[in-house]
């Protein structure tokens, strides 16, 4: 089975992706804004592609889940992500902006967590203006 994504070269093929949402932002630099005539002046930096992921990780072992959680919540400047993009894949540097998970059960001193959600933000634009 092929994993839906990887983080820092690590795949998680046992995780079920409940939702994988891709968003884009076309961001402007400091020179963008309205001029005296009311016209908009753009200073396009480029298009950033970001992802929101929701996982059902109940099929992962407790150790695999803990490992995934620790990687996602590690205070690194950036991670290397490989995500689906169109009909191909997109490898990019980015950071995990935030995440949540839910405690399913506590039995015999072991905690079972799941429904892990997190957001990835790209460090750099994938597409830049051609001018």
N, C-alpha and C. Protein backbone atom coordinates (compact mmCIF):
# COMPACT_ATOMS: atom_id res chain seq x y z
N UNK A 1 0.85 -1.18 0.00
CA UNK A 1 0.00 0.00 0.00
C UNK A 1 0.89 1.24 0.00
N UNK A 2 0.55 2.21 -0.80
CA UNK A 2 1.30 3.46 -0.87
C UNK A 2 0.75 4.43 0.16
N UNK A 3 1.66 5.10 0.85
CA UNK A 3 1.25 6.10 1.83
C UNK A 3 0.77 7.35 1.10
N UNK A 4 -0.19 8.05 1.71
CA UNK A 4 -0.74 9.27 1.10
C UNK A 4 0.22 10.44 1.21
N UNK A 5 1.15 10.36 2.16
CA UNK A 5 2.07 11.47 2.38
C UNK A 5 3.31 10.95 3.11
N UNK A 6 4.35 11.78 3.11
CA UNK A 6 5.51 11.46 3.95
C UNK A 6 6.01 12.75 4.59
N UNK A 7 6.66 12.57 5.73
CA UNK A 7 7.22 13.67 6.49
C UNK A 7 8.66 13.32 6.80
N UNK A 8 9.58 14.15 6.35
CA UNK A 8 11.01 13.94 6.59
C UNK A 8 11.45 12.54 6.16
N UNK A 9 10.89 12.08 5.03
CA UNK A 9 11.26 10.79 4.47
C UNK A 9 10.57 9.60 5.11
N UNK A 10 9.73 9.83 6.08
CA UNK A 10 9.04 8.75 6.79
C UNK A 10 7.61 8.63 6.28
N UNK A 11 7.23 7.41 5.85
CA UNK A 11 5.87 7.16 5.39
C UNK A 11 5.07 6.47 6.48
N UNK A 12 3.76 6.61 6.42
CA UNK A 12 2.85 6.00 7.37
C UNK A 12 1.74 5.28 6.60
N UNK A 13 2.07 4.13 5.98
CA UNK A 13 1.08 3.45 5.16
C UNK A 13 -0.09 2.87 5.95
N UNK A 14 0.04 2.69 7.25
CA UNK A 14 -1.05 2.14 8.06
C UNK A 14 -2.07 3.14 8.51
N UNK A 15 -1.88 4.39 8.13
CA UNK A 15 -2.81 5.43 8.57
C UNK A 15 -3.87 5.67 7.50
N UNK A 16 -5.11 5.79 7.94
CA UNK A 16 -6.21 6.07 7.02
C UNK A 16 -6.43 7.58 6.96
N UNK A 17 -6.38 8.13 5.77
CA UNK A 17 -6.61 9.56 5.58
C UNK A 17 -8.11 9.80 5.50
N UNK A 18 -8.64 10.51 6.49
CA UNK A 18 -10.07 10.84 6.48
C UNK A 18 -10.34 12.06 5.60
N UNK A 19 -9.39 13.00 5.61
CA UNK A 19 -9.54 14.21 4.82
C UNK A 19 -8.17 14.77 4.51
N UNK A 20 -7.97 15.15 3.26
CA UNK A 20 -6.74 15.81 2.85
C UNK A 20 -7.16 16.98 1.98
N UNK A 21 -7.01 18.18 2.53
CA UNK A 21 -7.46 19.38 1.83
C UNK A 21 -6.25 20.21 1.44
N UNK A 22 -6.27 20.67 0.21
CA UNK A 22 -5.20 21.51 -0.32
C UNK A 22 -5.77 22.92 -0.47
N UNK A 23 -5.03 23.91 -0.01
CA UNK A 23 -5.43 25.30 -0.19
C UNK A 23 -4.30 26.05 -0.89
N UNK A 24 -4.65 27.14 -1.53
CA UNK A 24 -3.61 27.97 -2.13
C UNK A 24 -3.81 29.42 -1.71
N UNK A 25 -2.70 30.12 -1.63
CA UNK A 25 -2.70 31.55 -1.33
C UNK A 25 -1.76 32.24 -2.31
N UNK A 26 -2.28 33.23 -3.02
CA UNK A 26 -1.44 34.06 -3.88
C UNK A 26 -1.10 35.29 -3.03
N UNK A 27 0.15 35.36 -2.59
CA UNK A 27 0.54 36.39 -1.64
C UNK A 27 1.27 37.55 -2.32
N UNK A 28 1.01 38.75 -1.79
CA UNK A 28 1.66 39.97 -2.26
C UNK A 28 2.75 40.40 -1.29
N UNK A 29 3.71 41.15 -1.80
CA UNK A 29 4.76 41.72 -0.98
C UNK A 29 4.34 43.08 -0.42
N UNK A 30 5.29 43.80 0.13
CA UNK A 30 5.03 45.08 0.79
C UNK A 30 4.60 46.20 -0.15
N UNK A 31 4.85 46.06 -1.45
CA UNK A 31 4.53 47.13 -2.39
C UNK A 31 3.13 47.03 -2.99
N UNK A 32 2.30 46.16 -2.46
CA UNK A 32 0.93 46.01 -2.96
C UNK A 32 0.00 46.94 -2.19
N UNK A 33 -1.06 47.36 -2.84
CA UNK A 33 -2.05 48.19 -2.16
C UNK A 33 -2.77 49.10 -3.13
N UNK A 34 -3.69 49.86 -2.59
CA UNK A 34 -4.48 50.81 -3.39
C UNK A 34 -3.71 52.13 -3.54
N UNK A 35 -3.75 52.65 -4.75
CA UNK A 35 -3.15 53.95 -5.01
C UNK A 35 -4.24 55.02 -4.93
N UNK A 36 -3.88 56.28 -5.09
CA UNK A 36 -4.82 57.40 -4.92
C UNK A 36 -6.03 57.30 -5.85
N UNK A 37 -5.88 56.71 -7.03
CA UNK A 37 -7.02 56.58 -7.96
C UNK A 37 -7.97 55.47 -7.54
N UNK A 38 -7.56 54.67 -6.59
CA UNK A 38 -8.38 53.53 -6.15
C UNK A 38 -7.98 52.23 -6.82
N UNK A 39 -7.11 52.31 -7.82
CA UNK A 39 -6.64 51.09 -8.49
C UNK A 39 -5.79 50.26 -7.53
N UNK A 40 -5.84 48.98 -7.74
CA UNK A 40 -5.03 48.05 -6.95
C UNK A 40 -3.71 47.81 -7.67
N UNK A 41 -2.61 47.94 -6.95
CA UNK A 41 -1.29 47.63 -7.46
C UNK A 41 -0.84 46.35 -6.78
N UNK A 42 -0.46 45.36 -7.57
CA UNK A 42 -0.03 44.08 -7.02
C UNK A 42 1.48 43.99 -6.97
N UNK A 43 1.98 43.25 -6.03
CA UNK A 43 3.39 42.93 -5.88
C UNK A 43 3.45 41.44 -5.56
N UNK A 44 3.05 40.65 -6.56
CA UNK A 44 2.84 39.21 -6.33
C UNK A 44 4.17 38.50 -6.05
N UNK A 45 4.21 37.84 -4.92
CA UNK A 45 5.37 37.01 -4.55
C UNK A 45 5.26 35.66 -5.23
N UNK A 46 4.07 35.06 -5.12
CA UNK A 46 3.84 33.76 -5.73
C UNK A 46 2.67 33.04 -5.09
N UNK A 47 2.49 31.79 -5.53
CA UNK A 47 1.39 30.96 -5.03
C UNK A 47 1.95 29.90 -4.09
N UNK A 48 1.41 29.89 -2.88
CA UNK A 48 1.79 28.93 -1.85
C UNK A 48 0.69 27.87 -1.76
N UNK A 49 1.07 26.60 -1.71
CA UNK A 49 0.12 25.50 -1.55
C UNK A 49 0.31 24.90 -0.17
N UNK A 50 -0.77 24.88 0.58
CA UNK A 50 -0.75 24.38 1.96
C UNK A 50 -1.76 23.24 2.08
N UNK A 51 -1.61 22.45 3.12
CA UNK A 51 -2.43 21.26 3.28
C UNK A 51 -3.00 21.16 4.70
N UNK A 52 -4.24 20.66 4.79
CA UNK A 52 -4.87 20.31 6.06
C UNK A 52 -5.18 18.81 5.98
N UNK A 53 -4.74 18.08 6.98
CA UNK A 53 -4.86 16.62 6.97
C UNK A 53 -5.60 16.17 8.22
N UNK A 54 -6.51 15.23 8.04
CA UNK A 54 -7.17 14.57 9.17
C UNK A 54 -6.99 13.08 8.99
N UNK A 55 -6.46 12.43 10.03
CA UNK A 55 -6.12 11.02 9.96
C UNK A 55 -6.91 10.20 10.97
N UNK A 56 -7.27 8.99 10.57
CA UNK A 56 -7.75 7.98 11.51
C UNK A 56 -6.57 7.05 11.72
N UNK A 57 -5.89 7.23 12.79
CA UNK A 57 -4.64 6.50 13.03
C UNK A 57 -4.84 5.29 13.93
N UNK A 58 -6.07 4.80 14.07
CA UNK A 58 -6.33 3.69 14.99
C UNK A 58 -5.67 2.40 14.54
N UNK A 59 -5.27 2.30 13.27
CA UNK A 59 -4.59 1.09 12.80
C UNK A 59 -3.08 1.12 13.05
N UNK A 60 -2.56 2.28 13.45
CA UNK A 60 -1.14 2.36 13.79
C UNK A 60 -0.92 1.76 15.17
N UNK A 61 0.26 1.20 15.37
CA UNK A 61 0.61 0.74 16.71
C UNK A 61 0.76 1.97 17.60
N UNK A 62 0.74 1.76 18.90
CA UNK A 62 0.92 2.88 19.82
C UNK A 62 2.26 3.57 19.58
N UNK A 63 3.30 2.80 19.34
CA UNK A 63 4.64 3.36 19.09
C UNK A 63 4.65 4.15 17.78
N UNK A 64 4.01 3.64 16.73
CA UNK A 64 3.96 4.36 15.45
C UNK A 64 3.20 5.67 15.59
N UNK A 65 2.10 5.63 16.33
CA UNK A 65 1.32 6.85 16.54
C UNK A 65 2.14 7.89 17.31
N UNK A 66 2.77 7.44 18.40
CA UNK A 66 3.58 8.36 19.20
C UNK A 66 4.70 8.97 18.36
N UNK A 67 5.31 8.15 17.49
CA UNK A 67 6.37 8.64 16.61
C UNK A 67 5.84 9.71 15.67
N UNK A 68 4.71 9.46 15.05
CA UNK A 68 4.10 10.44 14.14
C UNK A 68 3.78 11.73 14.88
N UNK A 69 3.19 11.62 16.05
CA UNK A 69 2.84 12.80 16.84
C UNK A 69 4.08 13.61 17.21
N UNK A 70 5.15 12.91 17.61
CA UNK A 70 6.39 13.59 17.99
C UNK A 70 7.03 14.30 16.80
N UNK A 71 6.99 13.69 15.62
CA UNK A 71 7.54 14.34 14.43
C UNK A 71 6.74 15.59 14.09
N UNK A 72 5.41 15.47 14.10
CA UNK A 72 4.57 16.62 13.75
C UNK A 72 4.70 17.76 14.74
N UNK A 73 4.86 17.45 16.02
CA UNK A 73 4.90 18.50 17.04
C UNK A 73 6.32 18.94 17.39
N UNK A 74 7.32 18.37 16.72
CA UNK A 74 8.70 18.76 17.00
C UNK A 74 8.93 20.21 16.58
N UNK A 75 9.58 21.00 17.42
CA UNK A 75 9.76 22.42 17.11
C UNK A 75 10.89 22.68 16.11
N UNK A 76 10.79 22.05 14.96
CA UNK A 76 11.77 22.26 13.88
C UNK A 76 11.36 23.49 13.07
N UNK A 77 12.34 24.15 12.49
CA UNK A 77 12.01 25.27 11.62
C UNK A 77 11.16 24.78 10.45
N UNK A 78 11.61 23.69 9.80
CA UNK A 78 10.91 23.16 8.64
C UNK A 78 11.04 21.65 8.57
N UNK A 79 10.07 21.04 7.93
CA UNK A 79 10.07 19.61 7.61
C UNK A 79 10.01 19.48 6.09
N UNK A 80 10.39 18.31 5.60
CA UNK A 80 10.20 18.00 4.18
C UNK A 80 8.94 17.17 4.06
N UNK A 81 7.97 17.68 3.32
CA UNK A 81 6.70 17.00 3.10
C UNK A 81 6.61 16.52 1.65
N UNK A 82 6.00 15.38 1.44
CA UNK A 82 5.65 14.90 0.11
C UNK A 82 4.16 14.62 0.15
N UNK A 83 3.43 15.38 -0.70
CA UNK A 83 1.97 15.32 -0.69
C UNK A 83 1.45 15.14 -2.11
N UNK A 84 0.22 14.64 -2.24
CA UNK A 84 -0.39 14.59 -3.58
C UNK A 84 -0.58 16.01 -4.11
N UNK A 85 -0.39 16.16 -5.41
CA UNK A 85 -0.58 17.45 -6.06
C UNK A 85 -1.04 17.17 -7.49
N UNK A 86 -2.26 17.54 -7.82
CA UNK A 86 -2.80 17.22 -9.14
C UNK A 86 -2.70 15.72 -9.35
N UNK A 87 -2.08 15.32 -10.44
CA UNK A 87 -1.89 13.89 -10.73
C UNK A 87 -0.47 13.44 -10.40
N UNK A 88 0.27 14.27 -9.68
CA UNK A 88 1.64 13.96 -9.32
C UNK A 88 1.81 14.12 -7.81
N UNK A 89 3.03 14.35 -7.40
CA UNK A 89 3.31 14.62 -6.00
C UNK A 89 4.04 15.96 -5.89
N UNK A 90 4.01 16.54 -4.72
CA UNK A 90 4.65 17.83 -4.45
C UNK A 90 5.54 17.65 -3.23
N UNK A 91 6.83 17.83 -3.41
CA UNK A 91 7.78 17.77 -2.31
C UNK A 91 8.17 19.20 -1.96
N UNK A 92 8.02 19.57 -0.69
CA UNK A 92 8.29 20.94 -0.29
C UNK A 92 8.74 21.03 1.16
N UNK A 93 9.43 22.12 1.45
CA UNK A 93 9.76 22.45 2.82
C UNK A 93 8.60 23.25 3.39
N UNK A 94 8.24 22.93 4.61
CA UNK A 94 7.16 23.65 5.27
C UNK A 94 7.19 23.39 6.76
N UNK A 95 6.21 23.91 7.43
CA UNK A 95 6.13 23.70 8.87
C UNK A 95 4.71 23.29 9.25
N UNK A 96 4.61 22.64 10.39
CA UNK A 96 3.31 22.26 10.93
C UNK A 96 2.85 23.43 11.79
N UNK A 97 1.76 24.06 11.38
CA UNK A 97 1.27 25.25 12.08
C UNK A 97 0.58 24.88 13.39
N UNK A 98 -0.17 23.79 13.37
CA UNK A 98 -0.91 23.36 14.57
C UNK A 98 -1.44 21.96 14.34
N UNK A 99 -1.92 21.35 15.40
CA UNK A 99 -2.49 20.02 15.29
C UNK A 99 -3.36 19.70 16.49
N UNK A 100 -4.23 18.73 16.30
CA UNK A 100 -5.09 18.25 17.38
C UNK A 100 -5.24 16.75 17.25
N UNK A 101 -5.50 16.10 18.36
CA UNK A 101 -5.88 14.69 18.33
C UNK A 101 -6.87 14.44 19.46
N UNK A 102 -7.35 13.21 19.53
CA UNK A 102 -8.42 12.88 20.46
C UNK A 102 -8.08 11.58 21.17
N UNK A 103 -8.26 11.56 22.48
CA UNK A 103 -8.03 10.36 23.26
C UNK A 103 -9.24 9.43 23.13
N UNK A 104 -9.00 8.21 22.62
CA UNK A 104 -10.08 7.24 22.44
C UNK A 104 -10.29 6.38 23.67
N UNK A 105 -9.19 5.91 24.26
CA UNK A 105 -9.34 5.02 25.42
C UNK A 105 -8.08 5.03 26.27
N UNK A 106 -8.29 4.65 27.53
CA UNK A 106 -7.20 4.47 28.49
C UNK A 106 -7.41 3.10 29.13
N UNK A 107 -6.52 2.15 28.79
CA UNK A 107 -6.65 0.80 29.33
C UNK A 107 -5.29 0.26 29.72
N UNK A 108 -5.19 -0.31 30.91
CA UNK A 108 -3.97 -0.95 31.37
C UNK A 108 -2.75 -0.04 31.24
N UNK A 109 -2.93 1.22 31.58
CA UNK A 109 -1.82 2.16 31.55
C UNK A 109 -1.40 2.59 30.14
N UNK A 110 -2.22 2.30 29.13
CA UNK A 110 -1.89 2.66 27.75
C UNK A 110 -2.98 3.58 27.21
N UNK A 111 -2.54 4.63 26.53
CA UNK A 111 -3.47 5.61 25.97
C UNK A 111 -3.56 5.40 24.46
N UNK A 112 -4.78 5.27 23.97
CA UNK A 112 -5.02 5.11 22.53
C UNK A 112 -5.56 6.44 22.00
N UNK A 113 -4.76 7.05 21.11
CA UNK A 113 -5.10 8.33 20.52
C UNK A 113 -5.48 8.15 19.06
N UNK A 114 -6.24 9.08 18.55
CA UNK A 114 -6.60 9.01 17.14
C UNK A 114 -7.21 10.31 16.66
N UNK A 115 -7.78 10.27 15.45
CA UNK A 115 -8.33 11.44 14.78
C UNK A 115 -7.36 12.61 14.91
N UNK A 116 -6.19 12.40 14.35
CA UNK A 116 -5.12 13.39 14.37
C UNK A 116 -5.28 14.33 13.18
N UNK A 117 -5.33 15.62 13.45
CA UNK A 117 -5.45 16.64 12.41
C UNK A 117 -4.30 17.62 12.53
N UNK A 118 -3.79 18.08 11.38
CA UNK A 118 -2.71 19.06 11.40
C UNK A 118 -2.71 19.84 10.10
N UNK A 119 -2.08 21.02 10.16
CA UNK A 119 -1.99 21.92 9.01
C UNK A 119 -0.52 22.15 8.66
N UNK A 120 -0.21 22.04 7.36
CA UNK A 120 1.14 22.25 6.86
C UNK A 120 1.16 23.51 6.01
N UNK A 121 2.13 24.36 6.29
CA UNK A 121 2.28 25.63 5.59
C UNK A 121 3.61 25.61 4.83
N UNK A 122 3.57 25.93 3.55
CA UNK A 122 4.78 25.92 2.72
C UNK A 122 5.71 27.07 3.09
N UNK A 123 7.01 26.80 3.07
CA UNK A 123 8.02 27.82 3.34
C UNK A 123 8.13 28.81 2.17
N UNK A 124 8.07 28.31 0.96
CA UNK A 124 8.27 29.12 -0.25
C UNK A 124 7.14 28.88 -1.23
N UNK A 125 6.91 29.82 -2.14
CA UNK A 125 5.88 29.58 -3.15
C UNK A 125 6.29 28.50 -4.13
N UNK A 126 5.33 27.72 -4.55
CA UNK A 126 5.59 26.72 -5.60
C UNK A 126 5.66 27.41 -6.95
N UNK A 127 4.86 28.43 -7.14
CA UNK A 127 4.81 29.15 -8.42
C UNK A 127 5.08 30.62 -8.18
N UNK A 128 5.89 31.20 -9.07
CA UNK A 128 6.23 32.62 -9.00
C UNK A 128 5.81 33.30 -10.30
N UNK A 129 5.57 34.62 -10.27
CA UNK A 129 5.24 35.32 -11.52
C UNK A 129 6.35 35.16 -12.53
N UNK A 130 5.99 35.15 -13.79
CA UNK A 130 6.98 34.93 -14.85
C UNK A 130 7.61 36.22 -15.36
N UNK A 131 7.18 37.37 -14.90
CA UNK A 131 7.75 38.62 -15.42
C UNK A 131 8.97 39.07 -14.69
